Amino acid sequence: MIALFLSFLSLYTAILFLSLGTGLFNTYIALSLTKNNVSEVWVGLLMAAYYAGLVLGARTGHKLIVYVGHIRAYAIAAAIVTIMVLMQTIVSDITLWLVFRVIVGMAMVTQYMILESWLNDQSDSTTRGSIFSFYMIMSSLGLVFGQASISIFPSLDHTPLIVVAIATALCLIPVAMTRRVHPVIHSQAPIKLQVFFRLVPMSLFILFMAGCITGTFYSLAPVYGIKLGLDTNQIAIYLSVCVIAGVLFQWPMGWLSDRVDRVKLIGINVFLLTLVTIPMYGYWEIPFSLLMVLVAIVGVLQFTIYPLATAFANDHVEPSLRVGLSGVLLMIYGVGAGLGPVVAGKLMDVGGAGMFYIFTSACALVLTLFISRQKVSGKYRVQQAPFVPMPVDIQPSPAVLELDPRVDRSIDISADEAKMEKVIEQLKADEEQERLEREQLAREQLEQERQESNEIEARAEADEGRQANKRDAGFETDSAVADADLMADGKR
């Protein structure tokens, strides 16, 4: 295991520096803008711009890699990120910062794609799980160190941005020095959304809402902390506790999900998240120690929604479609992560800091109600896929889930246009057959109801006839008795 880690040390080191810069930058931007009385809406928009760049850059990054190769593309992307970060130290126009963040997102997703595809190319079915676990650990550690390091810069001047630029430049060195063989450049699988909307609509909605929750946390949690009156050190602890708890509890949650119905587990998870966030609305005074306990629980719950929903989606998709599934899952997650901070930022701007966790509660409540009303038919269920922990700072890079041990590119048909069209045709045929079966069942139920109605009417008519006969018989008896009485009176 140690030998495997050391063999990929250069790539893992690059991932560590890359995540460290991301964690520090996101925390610094939120705190710095809030300190300068910038609206929470702008903080949310900057994070949304970053996620928009991540989603858009998946295609452009692939083209760049094809054009110049992996190391050159990585160097170009790292240089762009460094320049854009440093530009923020000399340009104060926040509107231009939105443009910078889109460009940074496009460049960073290229870096992630290169590192992840490199790891994936050098792994096989026996080592992919371990390689993916190390990737997750290094990525999460970088994020935690980046968030925690904000306490070193209490003045919140431009120094943190310079450190972020240094971290971005540092992640160039191990990649440039690696002696690893360049990975094979795979063609990107076309995203057939309609296939996966038909196969796993429930998982896609859960991932969209999970993106809203997670994206909001990374963009606005520091704002919530500073509005709550926490100092820089406390905010660093607050962020780190939440993320570390989310990382550590993925393994216990995975053990549980392999033994309990995953839909029920997700439902319990989001229901508890709805409840646990209520004391954090800001209406009650909470000691810092209790706040950290609540934050740790929130971290466990919010950061395990993504891997649970991903595992559930894999349970209902054939292995030959899982490369395409990974791209769709990350895209939907990225859309949610971009939208969530904008909505939550506006709510906080209008309703105060407490709206941060009110928004989280609302998202969790929507998921709770949605899941409780869904019936999982299991129509497309395959053999249960194992739970796989995910990095808590997951990036929408199509390469990341190819490291997932559940994914096997050798049998993938996602990039085969003709085969995917056949899958769509089969799904449409299944839906048509299901529609016809529902109509037939409805007709049978209607016919049964009609027969039951006729039987009821027949019984009612029969009962009415018997009652009439009884009345007629009673009338005849009464007439005979009356005649007899008259005759008796006449004799007397």
Protein backbone atom coordinates (compact mmCIF):
# COMPACT_ATOMS: atom_id res chain seq x y z
CA MET A 1 0.00 0.00 0.00
CA ILE A 2 2.82 2.41 0.93
CA ALA A 3 4.71 1.45 -2.22
CA LEU A 4 1.61 2.23 -4.29
CA PHE A 5 1.27 5.64 -2.66
CA LEU A 6 4.94 6.47 -3.19
CA SER A 7 4.79 5.42 -6.83
CA PHE A 8 2.19 8.16 -7.46
CA LEU A 9 3.66 10.66 -5.00
CA SER A 10 4.31 13.35 -7.61
CA LEU A 11 0.70 13.34 -8.80
CA TYR A 12 -0.68 13.20 -5.26
CA THR A 13 1.53 16.14 -4.28
CA ALA A 14 0.17 18.15 -7.21
CA ILE A 15 -3.38 17.34 -6.11
CA LEU A 16 -2.55 18.41 -2.55
CA PHE A 17 -1.23 21.83 -3.67
CA LEU A 18 -4.11 22.31 -6.09
CA SER A 19 -6.73 21.62 -3.41
CA LEU A 20 -4.86 23.72 -0.85
CA GLY A 21 -5.01 26.73 -3.14
CA THR A 22 -8.72 26.17 -3.80
CA GLY A 23 -9.57 25.89 -0.09
CA LEU A 24 -7.61 28.99 0.86
CA PHE A 25 -8.96 31.04 -2.04
CA ASN A 26 -12.64 30.25 -1.44
CA THR A 27 -12.35 31.01 2.29
CA TYR A 28 -10.36 34.21 1.74
CA ILE A 29 -12.74 35.59 -0.89
CA ALA A 30 -15.80 35.06 1.32
CA LEU A 31 -14.18 36.65 4.39
CA SER A 32 -12.52 39.49 2.52
CA LEU A 33 -15.64 40.56 0.62
CA THR A 34 -17.80 40.32 3.75
CA LYS A 35 -15.27 42.44 5.68
CA ASN A 36 -15.56 45.08 2.93
CA ASN A 37 -19.38 45.01 3.15
CA VAL A 38 -19.85 43.39 -0.24
CA SER A 39 -23.26 41.75 -0.66
CA GLU A 40 -23.55 38.00 -0.11
CA VAL A 41 -25.06 37.85 -3.60
CA TRP A 42 -21.67 38.71 -5.09
CA VAL A 43 -19.97 36.06 -2.99
CA GLY A 44 -22.45 33.49 -4.30
CA LEU A 45 -22.03 34.74 -7.87
CA LEU A 46 -18.25 34.36 -7.69
CA MET A 47 -18.62 30.74 -6.61
CA ALA A 48 -21.27 30.17 -9.29
CA ALA A 49 -18.90 31.62 -11.89
CA TYR A 50 -16.20 29.19 -10.75
CA TYR A 51 -18.53 26.19 -11.07
CA ALA A 52 -19.73 27.44 -14.44
CA GLY A 53 -16.10 27.45 -15.55
CA LEU A 54 -15.63 23.92 -14.23
CA VAL A 55 -18.60 22.66 -16.25
CA LEU A 56 -17.64 24.56 -19.42
CA GLY A 57 -13.98 23.64 -19.16
CA ALA A 58 -14.54 19.90 -19.35
CA ARG A 59 -14.83 20.12 -23.15
CA THR A 60 -12.28 22.85 -23.82
CA GLY A 61 -9.76 21.16 -21.53
CA HIS A 62 -10.07 17.89 -23.42
CA LYS A 63 -9.45 19.70 -26.72
CA LEU A 64 -6.38 21.42 -25.27
CA ILE A 65 -4.97 18.07 -24.06
CA VAL A 66 -5.48 16.55 -27.50
CA TYR A 67 -3.80 19.55 -29.15
CA VAL A 68 -0.64 19.93 -27.01
CA GLY A 69 -0.46 16.86 -24.76
CA HIS A 70 -0.87 16.37 -21.01
CA ILE A 71 2.15 18.13 -19.50
CA ARG A 72 1.95 21.17 -21.77
CA ALA A 73 -1.80 21.46 -21.20
CA TYR A 74 -1.23 21.22 -17.45
CA ALA A 75 1.43 23.93 -17.56
CA ILE A 76 -0.82 26.21 -19.62
CA ALA A 77 -3.75 25.71 -17.22
CA ALA A 78 -1.59 26.29 -14.12
CA ALA A 79 -0.17 29.48 -15.64
CA ILE A 80 -3.68 30.76 -16.43
CA VAL A 81 -4.87 30.09 -12.88
CA THR A 82 -1.81 31.85 -11.42
CA ILE A 83 -2.32 34.89 -13.66
CA MET A 84 -6.05 35.15 -12.89
CA VAL A 85 -5.47 34.93 -9.13
CA LEU A 86 -2.76 37.59 -9.24
CA MET A 87 -4.95 39.79 -11.42
CA GLN A 88 -7.34 40.06 -8.49
CA THR A 89 -4.61 41.78 -6.49
CA ILE A 90 -4.41 44.65 -9.00
CA VAL A 91 -8.00 44.78 -10.36
CA SER A 92 -10.69 45.86 -7.89
CA ASP A 93 -13.69 45.68 -10.25
CA ILE A 94 -15.73 42.77 -8.90
CA THR A 95 -17.54 42.38 -12.22
CA LEU A 96 -14.23 41.49 -13.85
CA TRP A 97 -13.60 39.06 -10.99
CA LEU A 98 -16.57 37.06 -12.27
CA VAL A 99 -14.79 36.70 -15.61
CA PHE A 100 -11.57 35.73 -13.83
CA ARG A 101 -13.41 33.03 -11.86
CA VAL A 102 -14.96 31.50 -14.98
CA ILE A 103 -11.51 31.33 -16.59
CA VAL A 104 -10.01 29.85 -13.40
CA GLY A 105 -12.73 27.19 -13.33
CA MET A 106 -12.06 26.24 -16.96
CA ALA A 107 -8.31 26.02 -16.32
CA MET A 108 -8.58 24.12 -13.03
CA VAL A 109 -10.89 21.46 -14.41
CA THR A 110 -8.24 20.86 -17.08
CA GLN A 111 -5.66 20.32 -14.34
CA TYR A 112 -7.94 17.91 -12.51
CA MET A 113 -8.70 16.03 -15.72
CA ILE A 114 -5.00 15.56 -16.44
CA LEU A 115 -4.10 14.37 -12.93
CA GLU A 116 -7.11 12.09 -12.66
CA SER A 117 -6.76 10.57 -16.12
CA TRP A 118 -3.07 10.00 -15.39
CA LEU A 119 -3.91 8.11 -12.21
CA ASN A 120 -6.65 6.19 -13.98
CA ASP A 121 -4.41 5.22 -16.89
CA GLN A 122 -1.72 3.84 -14.55
CA SER A 123 -4.17 1.79 -12.46
CA ASP A 124 -5.92 -1.52 -13.00
CA SER A 125 -8.87 -3.30 -11.43
CA THR A 126 -6.75 -4.51 -8.49
CA THR A 127 -5.25 -1.13 -7.58
CA ARG A 128 -7.88 1.40 -8.69
CA GLY A 129 -9.74 1.36 -5.37
CA SER A 130 -6.59 2.13 -3.36
CA ILE A 131 -5.42 4.78 -5.84
CA PHE A 132 -8.84 6.43 -5.69
CA SER A 133 -8.79 6.40 -1.86
CA PHE A 134 -5.38 8.10 -1.77
CA TYR A 135 -6.66 10.64 -4.29
CA MET A 136 -9.64 11.38 -2.05
CA ILE A 137 -7.48 11.70 1.06
CA MET A 138 -4.92 14.03 -0.54
CA SER A 139 -7.59 16.17 -2.16
CA SER A 140 -9.52 16.49 1.11
CA LEU A 141 -6.37 17.17 3.14
CA GLY A 142 -5.42 19.96 0.77
CA LEU A 143 -8.85 21.50 1.15
CA VAL A 144 -8.72 21.31 4.96
CA PHE A 145 -5.19 22.75 5.13
CA GLY A 146 -6.21 25.55 2.77
CA GLN A 147 -9.24 26.49 4.85
CA ALA A 148 -7.33 26.23 8.13
CA SER A 149 -4.44 28.36 6.84
CA ILE A 150 -6.71 31.43 6.66
CA SER A 151 -5.98 31.90 10.38
CA ILE A 152 -2.38 32.79 9.45
CA PHE A 153 -3.65 35.91 7.64
CA PRO A 154 -5.78 37.86 10.14
CA SER A 155 -5.48 41.13 8.21
CA LEU A 156 -7.05 39.65 5.05
CA ASP A 157 -4.97 41.77 2.69
CA HIS A 158 -3.73 40.50 -0.70
CA THR A 159 -1.18 38.13 0.89
CA PRO A 160 -3.51 35.06 0.78
CA LEU A 161 -4.01 35.57 -2.97
CA ILE A 162 -0.23 35.53 -3.43
CA VAL A 163 -0.05 32.30 -1.41
CA VAL A 164 -2.77 30.79 -3.62
CA ALA A 165 -0.74 31.74 -6.69
CA ILE A 166 2.36 30.14 -5.11
CA ALA A 167 0.41 26.92 -4.43
CA THR A 168 -0.76 26.85 -8.05
CA ALA A 169 2.80 27.32 -9.27
CA LEU A 170 4.10 24.66 -6.86
CA CYS A 171 1.71 22.05 -8.26
CA LEU A 172 3.56 22.44 -11.59
CA ILE A 173 6.85 21.11 -10.22
CA PRO A 174 5.86 17.50 -9.36
CA VAL A 175 4.02 17.09 -12.66
CA ALA A 176 6.97 18.45 -14.63
CA MET A 177 9.33 16.11 -12.75
CA THR A 178 7.23 12.96 -13.04
CA ARG A 179 8.68 10.08 -15.04
CA ARG A 180 5.27 8.51 -15.48
CA VAL A 181 4.24 7.48 -18.99
CA HIS A 182 1.78 9.90 -20.54
CA PRO A 183 -1.78 8.60 -20.30
CA VAL A 184 -3.74 7.58 -23.35
CA ILE A 185 -6.08 10.35 -24.50
CA HIS A 186 -9.60 8.88 -24.50
CA SER A 187 -12.38 10.33 -26.59
CA GLN A 188 -14.97 11.93 -24.35
CA ALA A 189 -18.21 10.06 -24.04
CA PRO A 190 -21.14 12.01 -25.48
CA ILE A 191 -23.54 12.89 -22.72
CA LYS A 192 -26.87 11.27 -23.52
CA LEU A 193 -28.93 12.99 -20.88
CA GLN A 194 -32.18 11.36 -21.92
CA VAL A 195 -30.75 7.90 -21.20
CA PHE A 196 -29.88 8.74 -17.62
CA PHE A 197 -32.96 10.88 -16.98
CA ARG A 198 -34.93 7.74 -17.83
CA LEU A 199 -32.73 5.33 -15.88
CA VAL A 200 -31.91 7.28 -12.69
CA PRO A 201 -34.11 10.40 -12.42
CA MET A 202 -34.25 10.11 -8.65
CA SER A 203 -30.45 10.03 -8.27
CA LEU A 204 -30.03 13.02 -10.57
CA PHE A 205 -32.43 15.14 -8.52
CA ILE A 206 -30.69 14.12 -5.28
CA LEU A 207 -27.31 15.06 -6.77
CA PHE A 208 -28.63 18.41 -7.97
CA MET A 209 -29.82 19.27 -4.46
CA ALA A 210 -26.58 17.92 -2.96
CA GLY A 211 -24.72 20.29 -5.27
CA CYS A 212 -26.85 23.19 -4.04
CA ILE A 213 -26.01 22.34 -0.42
CA THR A 214 -22.28 21.74 -0.94
CA GLY A 215 -21.70 24.69 -3.27
CA THR A 216 -23.44 26.96 -0.77
CA PHE A 217 -21.25 25.67 2.05
CA TYR A 218 -17.97 26.34 0.25
CA SER A 219 -18.97 29.82 -0.85
CA LEU A 220 -20.99 31.17 2.09
CA ALA A 221 -20.03 29.22 5.23
CA PRO A 222 -17.21 31.70 6.01
CA VAL A 223 -19.71 34.56 5.57
CA TYR A 224 -22.07 32.84 8.02
CA GLY A 225 -19.20 32.49 10.51
CA ILE A 226 -18.15 36.12 10.36
CA LYS A 227 -21.77 37.34 10.60
CA LEU A 228 -22.16 35.10 13.64
CA GLY A 229 -19.30 36.96 15.31
CA LEU A 230 -16.61 34.29 14.99
CA ASP A 231 -13.00 35.42 14.62
CA THR A 232 -10.70 34.16 11.87
CA ASN A 233 -9.29 31.30 13.97
CA GLN A 234 -12.78 30.11 14.93
CA ILE A 235 -13.93 30.25 11.32
CA ALA A 236 -10.93 28.13 10.28
CA ILE A 237 -11.82 25.58 12.98
CA TYR A 238 -15.51 25.69 11.99
CA LEU A 239 -14.76 24.93 8.33
CA SER A 240 -12.16 22.27 9.10
CA VAL A 241 -14.36 20.41 11.60
CA CYS A 242 -17.19 20.21 9.07
CA VAL A 243 -14.99 18.92 6.24
CA ILE A 244 -12.97 16.47 8.37
CA ALA A 245 -16.15 14.96 9.81
CA GLY A 246 -17.52 14.57 6.29
CA VAL A 247 -14.37 12.78 5.15
CA LEU A 248 -13.98 10.46 8.13
CA PHE A 249 -17.58 9.28 8.25
CA GLN A 250 -17.78 8.26 4.59
CA TRP A 251 -16.36 4.83 5.41
CA PRO A 252 -18.87 4.06 8.23
CA MET A 253 -21.69 5.39 6.03
CA GLY A 254 -20.46 3.19 3.20
CA TRP A 255 -20.45 0.12 5.46
CA LEU A 256 -24.02 0.93 6.47
CA SER A 257 -25.20 1.60 2.91
CA ASP A 258 -23.98 -1.80 1.74
CA ARG A 259 -26.30 -3.39 4.31
CA VAL A 260 -29.32 -1.07 4.41
CA ASP A 261 -31.65 0.07 1.63
CA ARG A 262 -29.89 3.09 0.15
CA VAL A 263 -33.04 5.07 -0.59
CA LYS A 264 -34.16 4.78 3.03
CA LEU A 265 -30.65 5.69 4.20
CA ILE A 266 -30.59 8.83 2.02
CA GLY A 267 -34.09 9.70 3.28
CA ILE A 268 -32.99 9.37 6.92
CA ASN A 269 -29.81 11.34 6.14
CA VAL A 270 -31.61 14.37 4.66
CA PHE A 271 -34.37 14.26 7.30
CA LEU A 272 -31.74 14.46 10.05
CA LEU A 273 -29.97 17.25 8.15
CA THR A 274 -33.25 19.19 8.13
CA LEU A 275 -33.51 18.89 11.92
CA VAL A 276 -29.85 19.36 12.92
CA THR A 277 -29.53 22.68 11.07
CA ILE A 278 -32.53 24.25 12.88
CA PRO A 279 -30.55 25.33 16.01
CA MET A 280 -28.06 27.07 13.68
CA TYR A 281 -30.56 29.56 12.23
CA GLY A 282 -29.08 32.26 14.46
CA TYR A 283 -32.18 32.82 16.58
CA TRP A 284 -30.59 31.21 19.65
CA GLU A 285 -27.27 31.81 21.40
CA ILE A 286 -25.08 28.70 20.95
CA PRO A 287 -21.75 28.11 22.71
CA PHE A 288 -18.88 27.61 20.28
CA SER A 289 -18.26 24.06 21.53
CA LEU A 290 -21.90 23.07 20.86
CA LEU A 291 -21.75 24.79 17.48
CA MET A 292 -18.75 22.61 16.56
CA VAL A 293 -20.66 19.45 17.54
CA LEU A 294 -23.59 20.49 15.36
CA VAL A 295 -21.25 21.46 12.51
CA ALA A 296 -19.55 18.05 12.67
CA ILE A 297 -22.94 16.30 12.41
CA VAL A 298 -23.91 18.56 9.51
CA GLY A 299 -20.62 17.69 7.79
CA VAL A 300 -21.30 13.98 8.16
CA LEU A 301 -24.79 14.34 6.72
CA GLN A 302 -24.21 16.81 3.89
CA PHE A 303 -20.98 15.31 2.54
CA THR A 304 -22.34 11.76 2.40
CA ILE A 305 -25.36 12.59 0.23
CA TYR A 306 -23.20 12.67 -2.91
CA PRO A 307 -21.53 9.24 -2.55
CA LEU A 308 -24.81 7.63 -1.42
CA ALA A 309 -26.68 8.99 -4.44
CA THR A 310 -23.82 7.95 -6.74
CA ALA A 311 -23.88 4.42 -5.35
CA PHE A 312 -27.66 4.29 -5.78
CA ALA A 313 -27.32 5.47 -9.40
CA ASN A 314 -24.73 2.77 -10.11
CA ASP A 315 -27.16 0.20 -8.72
CA HIS A 316 -29.53 0.99 -11.60
CA VAL A 317 -27.12 1.38 -14.52
CA GLU A 318 -25.35 -1.39 -16.37
CA PRO A 319 -21.53 -1.36 -16.00
CA SER A 320 -21.18 -0.63 -19.72
CA LEU A 321 -22.88 2.76 -19.22
CA ARG A 322 -21.09 3.95 -16.11
CA VAL A 323 -18.48 6.15 -17.80
CA GLY A 324 -21.29 8.19 -19.34
CA LEU A 325 -23.15 8.10 -16.04
CA SER A 326 -20.15 9.61 -14.24
CA GLY A 327 -20.13 12.59 -16.60
CA VAL A 328 -23.85 13.20 -16.19
CA LEU A 329 -23.71 12.92 -12.40
CA LEU A 330 -20.90 15.44 -12.16
CA MET A 331 -22.57 17.82 -14.60
CA ILE A 332 -25.84 17.80 -12.64
CA TYR A 333 -23.91 18.23 -9.40
CA GLY A 334 -21.99 21.16 -10.91
CA VAL A 335 -25.19 22.87 -12.03
CA GLY A 336 -26.58 22.61 -8.48
CA ALA A 337 -23.30 23.79 -6.97
CA GLY A 338 -23.43 26.86 -9.20
CA LEU A 339 -27.08 27.69 -8.57
CA GLY A 340 -27.15 27.10 -4.80
CA PRO A 341 -24.73 29.90 -3.77
CA VAL A 342 -26.61 32.46 -5.89
CA VAL A 343 -29.98 31.66 -4.31
CA ALA A 344 -28.58 31.35 -0.79
CA GLY A 345 -26.56 34.56 -1.21
CA LYS A 346 -29.67 36.49 -2.16
CA LEU A 347 -31.57 35.03 0.80
CA MET A 348 -28.76 35.99 3.18
CA ASP A 349 -28.63 39.48 1.70
CA VAL A 350 -32.33 39.92 2.46
CA GLY A 351 -32.86 37.82 5.58
CA GLY A 352 -29.49 37.77 7.35
CA ALA A 353 -26.87 35.15 8.14
CA GLY A 354 -29.38 32.63 9.46
CA MET A 355 -30.72 32.15 5.92
CA PHE A 356 -27.54 30.17 5.18
CA TYR A 357 -28.72 27.18 7.23
CA ILE A 358 -32.39 27.88 6.52
CA PHE A 359 -31.52 27.34 2.85
CA THR A 360 -29.70 24.09 3.73
CA SER A 361 -32.71 22.95 5.76
CA ALA A 362 -35.05 23.81 2.90
CA CYS A 363 -32.99 21.79 0.41
CA ALA A 364 -32.86 18.85 2.80
CA LEU A 365 -36.62 19.10 3.45
CA VAL A 366 -37.34 19.12 -0.30
CA LEU A 367 -35.25 15.97 -0.63
CA THR A 368 -37.01 14.37 2.34
CA LEU A 369 -40.45 15.00 0.85
CA PHE A 370 -39.31 13.97 -2.64
CA ILE A 371 -37.80 10.68 -1.50
CA SER A 372 -40.77 9.82 0.75
CA ARG A 373 -43.12 10.10 -2.25
CA GLN A 374 -41.01 8.02 -4.63
CA LYS A 375 -41.57 4.34 -5.29
CA VAL A 376 -38.47 2.54 -6.52
CA SER A 377 -39.67 -0.11 -8.95
CA GLY A 378 -36.23 -1.68 -9.32
CA LYS A 379 -36.97 -2.19 -13.02
CA TYR A 380 -33.44 -1.38 -14.14
CA ARG A 381 -31.69 -2.57 -11.00
CA VAL A 382 -28.44 -4.47 -11.49
CA GLN A 383 -26.24 -6.23 -8.96
CA GLN A 384 -25.66 -3.82 -6.07
CA ALA A 385 -22.53 -1.74 -6.59
CA PRO A 386 -20.26 -1.15 -3.60
CA PHE A 387 -20.24 2.21 -1.86
CA VAL A 388 -17.15 4.26 -2.76
CA PRO A 389 -16.12 7.31 -0.67
CA MET A 390 -15.82 10.54 -2.67
CA PRO A 391 -13.61 13.61 -2.20
CA VAL A 392 -15.58 16.26 -0.35
CA ASP A 393 -14.28 18.91 -2.76
CA ILE A 394 -15.38 16.89 -5.78
CA GLN A 395 -14.81 18.74 -9.05
CA PRO A 396 -17.00 18.25 -12.12
CA SER A 397 -14.24 16.58 -14.11
CA PRO A 398 -15.33 13.57 -16.19
CA ALA A 399 -12.06 11.83 -15.32
CA VAL A 400 -12.59 11.68 -11.56
CA LEU A 401 -15.20 8.95 -11.56
CA GLU A 402 -13.22 6.88 -14.05
CA LEU A 403 -10.99 6.24 -11.04
CA ASP A 404 -14.08 4.80 -9.35
CA PRO A 405 -13.52 1.01 -9.04
CA ARG A 406 -17.12 0.49 -10.20
CA VAL A 407 -16.24 1.94 -13.63
CA ASP A 408 -14.66 -0.20 -16.36
CA ARG A 409 -13.77 1.65 -19.55
CA SER A 410 -12.94 -1.60 -21.38
CA ILE A 411 -16.64 -2.49 -21.58
CA ASP A 412 -17.95 1.07 -21.89
CA ILE A 413 -20.40 1.85 -24.69
CA SER A 414 -21.10 5.48 -23.67
CA ALA A 415 -18.91 6.82 -26.49
CA ASP A 416 -20.50 4.55 -29.11
CA GLU A 417 -23.21 6.67 -30.76
CA ALA A 418 -24.94 3.72 -32.46
CA LYS A 419 -25.10 1.62 -29.30
CA MET A 420 -26.35 4.55 -27.23
CA GLU A 421 -29.12 5.14 -29.78
CA LYS A 422 -30.14 1.49 -29.36
CA VAL A 423 -30.20 1.99 -25.59
CA ILE A 424 -32.49 5.01 -26.05
CA GLU A 425 -34.75 3.02 -28.39
CA GLN A 426 -34.95 0.18 -25.87
CA LEU A 427 -35.77 2.59 -23.04
CA LYS A 428 -38.49 4.19 -25.17
CA ALA A 429 -39.86 0.71 -25.98
CA ASP A 430 -39.82 -0.15 -22.27
CA GLU A 431 -41.69 3.06 -21.46
CA GLU A 432 -44.24 2.37 -24.20
CA GLN A 433 -44.72 -1.17 -22.93
CA GLU A 434 -45.11 0.16 -19.39
CA ARG A 435 -47.67 2.70 -20.65
CA LEU A 436 -49.64 -0.01 -22.44
CA GLU A 437 -49.54 -2.19 -19.32
CA ARG A 438 -50.83 0.71 -17.22
CA GLU A 439 -53.62 1.35 -19.71
CA GLN A 440 -54.52 -2.36 -19.78
CA LEU A 441 -54.52 -2.44 -15.98
CA ALA A 442 -56.69 0.68 -15.90
CA ARG A 443 -59.13 -0.92 -18.38
CA GLU A 444 -59.25 -4.12 -16.34
CA GLN A 445 -59.87 -2.15 -13.17
CA LEU A 446 -62.60 -0.16 -14.92
CA GLU A 447 -64.19 -3.36 -16.21
CA GLN A 448 -64.00 -4.91 -12.77
CA GLU A 449 -65.59 -1.82 -11.24
CA ARG A 450 -68.31 -1.96 -13.90
CA GLN A 451 -69.00 -5.64 -13.17
CA GLU A 452 -69.09 -4.96 -9.45
CA SER A 453 -71.47 -2.07 -10.09
CA ASN A 454 -73.72 -4.30 -12.22
CA GLU A 455 -73.70 -7.01 -9.54
CA ILE A 456 -74.61 -4.42 -6.90
CA GLU A 457 -77.45 -3.13 -9.11
CA ALA A 458 -78.64 -6.70 -9.75
CA ARG A 459 -78.62 -7.50 -6.05
CA ALA A 460 -80.44 -4.26 -5.33
CA GLU A 461 -83.12 -5.11 -7.95
CA ALA A 462 -83.45 -8.63 -6.55
CA ASP A 463 -83.81 -7.27 -3.03
CA GLU A 464 -86.38 -4.77 -4.25
CA GLY A 465 -88.32 -7.58 -6.00
CA ARG A 466 -88.34 -9.69 -2.88
CA GLN A 467 -89.53 -6.74 -0.85
CA ALA A 468 -92.31 -6.13 -3.39
CA ASN A 469 -93.36 -9.79 -3.25
CA LYS A 470 -93.45 -9.62 0.50
CA ARG A 471 -95.57 -6.51 0.35
CA ASP A 472 -97.96 -8.17 -2.16
CA ALA A 473 -98.18 -11.30 -0.04
CA GLY A 474 -98.84 -9.23 3.03
CA PHE A 475 -101.53 -7.27 1.20
CA GLU A 476 -103.30 -10.49 0.11
CA THR A 477 -103.17 -11.86 3.64
CA ASP A 478 -104.55 -8.66 5.04
CA SER A 479 -107.39 -8.72 2.46
CA ALA A 480 -108.29 -12.32 3.31
CA VAL A 481 -108.39 -11.51 6.99
CA ALA A 482 -110.55 -8.48 6.32
CA ASP A 483 -112.98 -10.57 4.22
CA ALA A 484 -113.15 -13.16 6.94
CA ASP A 485 -113.92 -10.52 9.49
CA LEU A 486 -116.71 -9.12 7.30
CA MET A 487 -118.24 -12.57 6.85
CA ALA A 488 -118.09 -13.14 10.58
CA ASP A 489 -119.79 -9.83 11.20
CA GLY A 490 -122.51 -10.72 8.67
CA LYS A 491 -123.30 -14.04 10.39
CA ARG A 492 -123.63 -12.28 13.66
